[in-house]
Amino acid sequence: MVKKMISDKDKTTALILSIIGFFGVAGIHRFYVGKIGTGVLWLLTLGFLGIGTLIDLIIIAKGDFKDENKAYLRKS
């Protein structure tokens, strides 16, 4: 059995930041988990017009979102 790496970043915080992205600054959840490059991309494209932000929201809620080190977000 392969043990999953767990990030020090919190899933709930990333989820809240992703939701805020719909109403303000898209991509802040990606900055939070250390994905600076795609955070800037989300910021400049408004989260790919909301579609990318929605996909991220679903992935975070499912628990499959990973940080910059490919570690799963910590469940709160």
PDB file of N, CA and C in Angstrom:
ATOM      1  N   MET A   1       0.839  -1.181   0.000  1.00  0.00           N
ATOM      2  CA  MET A   1       0.000   0.000   0.000  1.00  0.00           C
ATOM      3  C   MET A   1       0.884   1.244   0.000  1.00  0.00           C
ATOM      4  N   VAL A   2       0.576   2.176  -0.869  1.00  0.00           N
ATOM      5  CA  VAL A   2       1.345   3.400  -0.996  1.00  0.00           C
ATOM      6  C   VAL A   2       0.754   4.457  -0.076  1.00  0.00           C
ATOM      7  N   LYS A   3       1.614   5.056   0.739  1.00  0.00           N
ATOM      8  CA  LYS A   3       1.166   6.092   1.652  1.00  0.00           C
ATOM      9  C   LYS A   3       1.158   7.435   0.927  1.00  0.00           C
ATOM     10  N   LYS A   4       0.045   8.183   1.056  1.00  0.00           N
ATOM     11  CA  LYS A   4      -0.075   9.483   0.417  1.00  0.00           C
ATOM     12  C   LYS A   4       0.649  10.536   1.243  1.00  0.00           C
ATOM     13  N   MET A   5       1.368  11.412   0.556  1.00  0.00           N
ATOM     14  CA  MET A   5       1.985  12.550   1.242  1.00  0.00           C
ATOM     15  C   MET A   5       0.888  13.552   1.579  1.00  0.00           C
ATOM     16  N   ILE A   6       0.954  14.096   2.790  1.00  0.00           N
ATOM     17  CA  ILE A   6      -0.037  15.073   3.234  1.00  0.00           C
ATOM     18  C   ILE A   6       0.646  16.425   3.395  1.00  0.00           C
ATOM     19  N   SER A   7       0.040  17.445   2.810  1.00  0.00           N
ATOM     20  CA  SER A   7       0.558  18.805   2.845  1.00  0.00           C
ATOM     21  C   SER A   7       0.288  19.446   4.200  1.00  0.00           C
ATOM     22  N   ASP A   8       1.024  20.495   4.512  1.00  0.00           N
ATOM     23  CA  ASP A   8       0.722  21.279   5.702  1.00  0.00           C
ATOM     24  C   ASP A   8      -0.364  22.311   5.418  1.00  0.00           C
ATOM     25  N   LYS A   9      -0.771  22.419   4.161  1.00  0.00           N
ATOM     26  CA  LYS A   9      -1.855  23.333   3.767  1.00  0.00           C
ATOM     27  C   LYS A   9      -3.209  22.676   4.027  1.00  0.00           C
ATOM     28  N   ASP A  10      -4.166  23.476   4.462  1.00  0.00           N
ATOM     29  CA  ASP A  10      -5.468  22.986   4.888  1.00  0.00           C
ATOM     30  C   ASP A  10      -6.483  22.980   3.742  1.00  0.00           C
ATOM     31  N   LYS A  11      -7.217  21.893   3.609  1.00  0.00           N
ATOM     32  CA  LYS A  11      -8.226  21.730   2.560  1.00  0.00           C
ATOM     33  C   LYS A  11      -9.352  22.756   2.706  1.00  0.00           C
ATOM     34  N   THR A  12      -9.815  22.982   3.930  1.00  0.00           N
ATOM     35  CA  THR A  12     -10.925  23.915   4.149  1.00  0.00           C
ATOM     36  C   THR A  12     -10.536  25.336   3.762  1.00  0.00           C
ATOM     37  N   THR A  13      -9.335  25.744   4.112  1.00  0.00           N
ATOM     38  CA  THR A  13      -8.864  27.081   3.750  1.00  0.00           C
ATOM     39  C   THR A  13      -8.802  27.220   2.235  1.00  0.00           C
ATOM     40  N   ALA A  14      -8.269  26.229   1.552  1.00  0.00           N
ATOM     41  CA  ALA A  14      -8.194  26.264   0.092  1.00  0.00           C
ATOM     42  C   ALA A  14      -9.591  26.309  -0.524  1.00  0.00           C
ATOM     43  N   LEU A  15     -10.518  25.585   0.054  1.00  0.00           N
ATOM     44  CA  LEU A  15     -11.899  25.581  -0.446  1.00  0.00           C
ATOM     45  C   LEU A  15     -12.535  26.960  -0.294  1.00  0.00           C
ATOM     46  N   ILE A  16     -12.357  27.578   0.855  1.00  0.00           N
ATOM     47  CA  ILE A  16     -12.912  28.918   1.090  1.00  0.00           C
ATOM     48  C   ILE A  16     -12.284  29.931   0.133  1.00  0.00           C
ATOM     49  N   LEU A  17     -10.973  29.856  -0.040  1.00  0.00           N
ATOM     50  CA  LEU A  17     -10.299  30.774  -0.963  1.00  0.00           C
ATOM     51  C   LEU A  17     -10.762  30.559  -2.400  1.00  0.00           C
ATOM     52  N   SER A  18     -11.034  29.332  -2.763  1.00  0.00           N
ATOM     53  CA  SER A  18     -11.540  29.038  -4.107  1.00  0.00           C
ATOM     54  C   SER A  18     -12.927  29.642  -4.306  1.00  0.00           C
ATOM     55  N   ILE A  19     -13.774  29.537  -3.305  1.00  0.00           N
ATOM     56  CA  ILE A  19     -15.117  30.128  -3.385  1.00  0.00           C
ATOM     57  C   ILE A  19     -15.017  31.645  -3.501  1.00  0.00           C
ATOM     58  N   ILE A  20     -14.108  32.246  -2.737  1.00  0.00           N
ATOM     59  CA  ILE A  20     -13.904  33.699  -2.816  1.00  0.00           C
ATOM     60  C   ILE A  20     -13.480  34.097  -4.229  1.00  0.00           C
ATOM     61  N   GLY A  21     -12.783  33.201  -4.916  1.00  0.00           N
ATOM     62  CA  GLY A  21     -12.349  33.473  -6.283  1.00  0.00           C
ATOM     63  C   GLY A  21     -13.481  33.762  -7.246  1.00  0.00           C
ATOM     64  N   PHE A  22     -14.661  33.236  -6.968  1.00  0.00           N
ATOM     65  CA  PHE A  22     -15.819  33.519  -7.828  1.00  0.00           C
ATOM     66  C   PHE A  22     -16.295  34.955  -7.668  1.00  0.00           C
ATOM     67  N   PHE A  23     -16.035  35.546  -6.519  1.00  0.00           N
ATOM     68  CA  PHE A  23     -16.569  36.873  -6.215  1.00  0.00           C
ATOM     69  C   PHE A  23     -15.509  37.957  -6.151  1.00  0.00           C
ATOM     70  N   GLY A  24     -14.258  37.580  -6.330  1.00  0.00           N
ATOM     71  CA  GLY A  24     -13.191  38.574  -6.207  1.00  0.00           C
ATOM     72  C   GLY A  24     -11.965  38.178  -6.994  1.00  0.00           C
ATOM     73  N   VAL A  25     -10.942  37.764  -6.280  1.00  0.00           N
ATOM     74  CA  VAL A  25      -9.650  37.479  -6.889  1.00  0.00           C
ATOM     75  C   VAL A  25      -9.534  35.989  -7.189  1.00  0.00           C
ATOM     76  N   ALA A  26      -9.664  35.639  -8.453  1.00  0.00           N
ATOM     77  CA  ALA A  26      -9.543  34.234  -8.853  1.00  0.00           C
ATOM     78  C   ALA A  26      -8.092  33.797  -8.726  1.00  0.00           C
ATOM     79  N   GLY A  27      -7.882  32.596  -8.241  1.00  0.00           N
ATOM     80  CA  GLY A  27      -6.550  32.024  -8.170  1.00  0.00           C
ATOM     81  C   GLY A  27      -5.877  32.131  -6.819  1.00  0.00           C
ATOM     82  N   ILE A  28      -6.505  32.786  -5.839  1.00  0.00           N
ATOM     83  CA  ILE A  28      -5.829  32.938  -4.551  1.00  0.00           C
ATOM     84  C   ILE A  28      -5.634  31.600  -3.847  1.00  0.00           C
ATOM     85  N   HIS A  29      -6.487  30.625  -4.141  1.00  0.00           N
ATOM     86  CA  HIS A  29      -6.300  29.297  -3.558  1.00  0.00           C
ATOM     87  C   HIS A  29      -5.027  28.646  -4.100  1.00  0.00           C
ATOM     88  N   ARG A  30      -4.677  28.949  -5.336  1.00  0.00           N
ATOM     89  CA  ARG A  30      -3.461  28.397  -5.926  1.00  0.00           C
ATOM     90  C   ARG A  30      -2.217  29.061  -5.332  1.00  0.00           C
ATOM     91  N   PHE A  31      -2.280  30.350  -5.048  1.00  0.00           N
ATOM     92  CA  PHE A  31      -1.173  31.002  -4.348  1.00  0.00           C
ATOM     93  C   PHE A  31      -0.999  30.387  -2.965  1.00  0.00           C
ATOM     94  N   TYR A  32      -2.106  30.099  -2.293  1.00  0.00           N
ATOM     95  CA  TYR A  32      -2.069  29.524  -0.944  1.00  0.00           C
ATOM     96  C   TYR A  32      -1.327  28.192  -0.910  1.00  0.00           C
ATOM     97  N   VAL A  33      -1.550  27.337  -1.899  1.00  0.00           N
ATOM     98  CA  VAL A  33      -0.907  26.019  -1.907  1.00  0.00           C
ATOM     99  C   VAL A  33       0.464  26.034  -2.586  1.00  0.00           C
ATOM    100  N   GLY A  34       0.920  27.203  -3.006  1.00  0.00           N
ATOM    101  CA  GLY A  34       2.256  27.330  -3.564  1.00  0.00           C
ATOM    102  C   GLY A  34       2.348  27.212  -5.070  1.00  0.00           C
ATOM    103  N   LYS A  35       1.229  27.133  -5.756  1.00  0.00           N
ATOM    104  CA  LYS A  35       1.237  27.030  -7.218  1.00  0.00           C
ATOM    105  C   LYS A  35       1.183  28.445  -7.803  1.00  0.00           C
ATOM    106  N   ILE A  36       2.312  29.143  -7.710  1.00  0.00           N
ATOM    107  CA  ILE A  36       2.378  30.558  -8.063  1.00  0.00           C
ATOM    108  C   ILE A  36       2.121  30.779  -9.559  1.00  0.00           C
ATOM    109  N   GLY A  37       2.734  29.971 -10.407  1.00  0.00           N
ATOM    110  CA  GLY A  37       2.580  30.129 -11.859  1.00  0.00           C
ATOM    111  C   GLY A  37       1.137  30.023 -12.306  1.00  0.00           C
ATOM    112  N   THR A  38       0.455  28.980 -11.865  1.00  0.00           N
ATOM    113  CA  THR A  38      -0.949  28.830 -12.262  1.00  0.00           C
ATOM    114  C   THR A  38      -1.831  29.810 -11.494  1.00  0.00           C
ATOM    115  N   GLY A  39      -1.372  30.266 -10.334  1.00  0.00           N
ATOM    116  CA  GLY A  39      -2.114  31.308  -9.609  1.00  0.00           C
ATOM    117  C   GLY A  39      -2.156  32.594 -10.414  1.00  0.00           C
ATOM    118  N   VAL A  40      -1.017  32.958 -10.997  1.00  0.00           N
ATOM    119  CA  VAL A  40      -0.955  34.151 -11.846  1.00  0.00           C
ATOM    120  C   VAL A  40      -1.830  33.951 -13.081  1.00  0.00           C
ATOM    121  N   LEU A  41      -1.774  32.763 -13.669  1.00  0.00           N
ATOM    122  CA  LEU A  41      -2.598  32.465 -14.844  1.00  0.00           C
ATOM    123  C   LEU A  41      -4.088  32.595 -14.515  1.00  0.00           C
ATOM    124  N   TRP A  42      -4.498  32.035 -13.379  1.00  0.00           N
ATOM    125  CA  TRP A  42      -5.900  32.125 -12.956  1.00  0.00           C
ATOM    126  C   TRP A  42      -6.267  33.590 -12.725  1.00  0.00           C
ATOM    127  N   LEU A  43      -5.357  34.351 -12.123  1.00  0.00           N
ATOM    128  CA  LEU A  43      -5.606  35.756 -11.832  1.00  0.00           C
ATOM    129  C   LEU A  43      -5.823  36.553 -13.113  1.00  0.00           C
ATOM    130  N   LEU A  44      -4.988  36.316 -14.115  1.00  0.00           N
ATOM    131  CA  LEU A  44      -5.065  37.072 -15.367  1.00  0.00           C
ATOM    132  C   LEU A  44      -6.235  36.657 -16.261  1.00  0.00           C
ATOM    133  N   THR A  45      -6.694  35.406 -16.118  1.00  0.00           N
ATOM    134  CA  THR A  45      -7.774  34.920 -16.986  1.00  0.00           C
ATOM    135  C   THR A  45      -9.104  34.787 -16.237  1.00  0.00           C
ATOM    136  N   LEU A  46      -9.130  35.329 -15.007  1.00  0.00           N
ATOM    137  CA  LEU A  46     -10.317  35.227 -14.143  1.00  0.00           C
ATOM    138  C   LEU A  46     -10.704  33.767 -13.929  1.00  0.00           C
ATOM    139  N   GLY A  47      -9.699  32.953 -13.664  1.00  0.00           N
ATOM    140  CA  GLY A  47      -9.950  31.529 -13.410  1.00  0.00           C
ATOM    141  C   GLY A  47     -10.455  30.820 -14.646  1.00  0.00           C
ATOM    142  N   PHE A  48      -9.868  31.182 -15.802  1.00  0.00           N
ATOM    143  CA  PHE A  48     -10.352  30.680 -17.095  1.00  0.00           C
ATOM    144  C   PHE A  48     -11.860  30.906 -17.214  1.00  0.00           C
ATOM    145  N   LEU A  49     -12.227  32.154 -16.944  1.00  0.00           N
ATOM    146  CA  LEU A  49     -13.623  32.604 -16.999  1.00  0.00           C
ATOM    147  C   LEU A  49     -14.516  31.816 -16.036  1.00  0.00           C
ATOM    148  N   GLY A  50     -13.949  31.409 -14.938  1.00  0.00           N
ATOM    149  CA  GLY A  50     -14.707  30.719 -13.898  1.00  0.00           C
ATOM    150  C   GLY A  50     -14.712  29.209 -14.022  1.00  0.00           C
ATOM    151  N   ILE A  51     -14.428  28.702 -15.205  1.00  0.00           N
ATOM    152  CA  ILE A  51     -14.470  27.251 -15.425  1.00  0.00           C
ATOM    153  C   ILE A  51     -13.339  26.567 -14.651  1.00  0.00           C
ATOM    154  N   GLY A  52     -12.135  27.113 -14.721  1.00  0.00           N
ATOM    155  CA  GLY A  52     -11.001  26.544 -13.996  1.00  0.00           C
ATOM    156  C   GLY A  52     -11.203  26.605 -12.497  1.00  0.00           C
ATOM    157  N   THR A  53     -11.781  27.702 -12.029  1.00  0.00           N
ATOM    158  CA  THR A  53     -12.054  27.857 -10.599  1.00  0.00           C
ATOM    159  C   THR A  53     -13.098  26.839 -10.148  1.00  0.00           C
ATOM    160  N   LEU A  54     -14.118  26.616 -10.957  1.00  0.00           N
ATOM    161  CA  LEU A  54     -15.150  25.625 -10.622  1.00  0.00           C
ATOM    162  C   LEU A  54     -14.553  24.221 -10.571  1.00  0.00           C
ATOM    163  N   ILE A  55     -13.712  23.893 -11.523  1.00  0.00           N
ATOM    164  CA  ILE A  55     -13.070  22.572 -11.534  1.00  0.00           C
ATOM    165  C   ILE A  55     -12.196  22.403 -10.296  1.00  0.00           C
ATOM    166  N   ASP A  56     -11.412  23.439  -9.970  1.00  0.00           N
ATOM    167  CA  ASP A  56     -10.580  23.379  -8.768  1.00  0.00           C
ATOM    168  C   ASP A  56     -11.433  23.203  -7.520  1.00  0.00           C
ATOM    169  N   LEU A  57     -12.536  23.906  -7.451  1.00  0.00           N
ATOM    170  CA  LEU A  57     -13.447  23.810  -6.306  1.00  0.00           C
ATOM    171  C   LEU A  57     -13.921  22.376  -6.108  1.00  0.00           C
ATOM    172  N   ILE A  58     -14.291  21.725  -7.185  1.00  0.00           N
ATOM    173  CA  ILE A  58     -14.750  20.338  -7.122  1.00  0.00           C
ATOM    174  C   ILE A  58     -13.620  19.412  -6.697  1.00  0.00           C
ATOM    175  N   ILE A  59     -12.435  19.608  -7.262  1.00  0.00           N
ATOM    176  CA  ILE A  59     -11.288  18.759  -6.916  1.00  0.00           C
ATOM    177  C   ILE A  59     -10.894  18.943  -5.458  1.00  0.00           C
ATOM    178  N   ILE A  60     -10.924  20.178  -4.976  1.00  0.00           N
ATOM    179  CA  ILE A  60     -10.601  20.436  -3.568  1.00  0.00           C
ATOM    180  C   ILE A  60     -11.634  19.771  -2.671  1.00  0.00           C
ATOM    181  N   ALA A  61     -12.906  19.924  -3.002  1.00  0.00           N
ATOM    182  CA  ALA A  61     -13.980  19.341  -2.189  1.00  0.00           C
ATOM    183  C   ALA A  61     -13.876  17.807  -2.142  1.00  0.00           C
ATOM    184  N   LYS A  62     -13.467  17.193  -3.251  1.00  0.00           N
ATOM    185  CA  LYS A  62     -13.294  15.738  -3.282  1.00  0.00           C
ATOM    186  C   LYS A  62     -12.074  15.277  -2.504  1.00  0.00           C
ATOM    187  N   GLY A  63     -11.139  16.198  -2.247  1.00  0.00           N
ATOM    188  CA  GLY A  63      -9.925  15.841  -1.527  1.00  0.00           C
ATOM    189  C   GLY A  63      -8.786  15.385  -2.422  1.00  0.00           C
ATOM    190  N   ASP A  64      -8.876  15.688  -3.707  1.00  0.00           N
ATOM    191  CA  ASP A  64      -7.856  15.254  -4.660  1.00  0.00           C
ATOM    192  C   ASP A  64      -6.893  16.365  -5.079  1.00  0.00           C
ATOM    193  N   PHE A  65      -7.057  17.566  -4.544  1.00  0.00           N
ATOM    194  CA  PHE A  65      -6.201  18.691  -4.915  1.00  0.00           C
ATOM    195  C   PHE A  65      -4.854  18.549  -4.219  1.00  0.00           C
ATOM    196  N   LYS A  66      -3.774  18.881  -4.919  1.00  0.00           N
ATOM    197  CA  LYS A  66      -2.424  18.731  -4.375  1.00  0.00           C
ATOM    198  C   LYS A  66      -1.712  20.083  -4.352  1.00  0.00           C
ATOM    199  N   ASP A  67      -0.752  20.210  -3.444  1.00  0.00           N
ATOM    200  CA  ASP A  67       0.036  21.433  -3.365  1.00  0.00           C
ATOM    201  C   ASP A  67       1.203  21.382  -4.348  1.00  0.00           C
ATOM    202  N   GLU A  68       2.120  22.351  -4.245  1.00  0.00           N
ATOM    203  CA  GLU A  68       3.239  22.420  -5.189  1.00  0.00           C
ATOM    204  C   GLU A  68       4.202  21.257  -5.066  1.00  0.00           C
ATOM    205  N   ASN A  69       4.155  20.530  -3.945  1.00  0.00           N
ATOM    206  CA  ASN A  69       5.022  19.366  -3.739  1.00  0.00           C
ATOM    207  C   ASN A  69       4.324  18.057  -4.069  1.00  0.00           C
ATOM    208  N   LYS A  70       3.182  18.123  -4.711  1.00  0.00           N
ATOM    209  CA  LYS A  70       2.380  16.955  -5.091  1.00  0.00           C
ATOM    210  C   LYS A  70       1.825  16.203  -3.861  1.00  0.00           C
ATOM    211  N   ALA A  71       1.654  16.929  -2.744  1.00  0.00           N
ATOM    212  CA  ALA A  71       1.092  16.350  -1.531  1.00  0.00           C
ATOM    213  C   ALA A  71      -0.376  16.750  -1.420  1.00  0.00           C
ATOM    214  N   TYR A  72      -1.214  15.822  -0.972  1.00  0.00           N
ATOM    215  CA  TYR A  72      -2.638  16.108  -0.805  1.00  0.00           C
ATOM    216  C   TYR A  72      -2.827  17.091   0.340  1.00  0.00           C
ATOM    217  N   LEU A  73      -3.835  17.951   0.205  1.00  0.00           N
ATOM    218  CA  LEU A  73      -4.117  18.923   1.253  1.00  0.00           C
ATOM    219  C   LEU A  73      -4.589  18.232   2.522  1.00  0.00           C
ATOM    220  N   ARG A  74      -4.204  18.796   3.654  1.00  0.00           N
ATOM    221  CA  ARG A  74      -4.556  18.257   4.965  1.00  0.00           C
ATOM    222  C   ARG A  74      -6.048  18.499   5.223  1.00  0.00           C
ATOM    223  N   LYS A  75      -6.712  17.462   5.715  1.00  0.00           N
ATOM    224  CA  LYS A  75      -8.134  17.604   6.049  1.00  0.00           C
ATOM    225  C   LYS A  75      -8.255  18.206   7.431  1.00  0.00           C
ATOM    226  N   SER A  76      -9.153  19.166   7.561  1.00  0.00           N
ATOM    227  CA  SER A  76      -9.317  19.817   8.863  1.00  0.00           C
ATOM    228  C   SER A  76     -10.369  19.129   9.701  1.00  0.00           C
TER     229      SER A  76
END
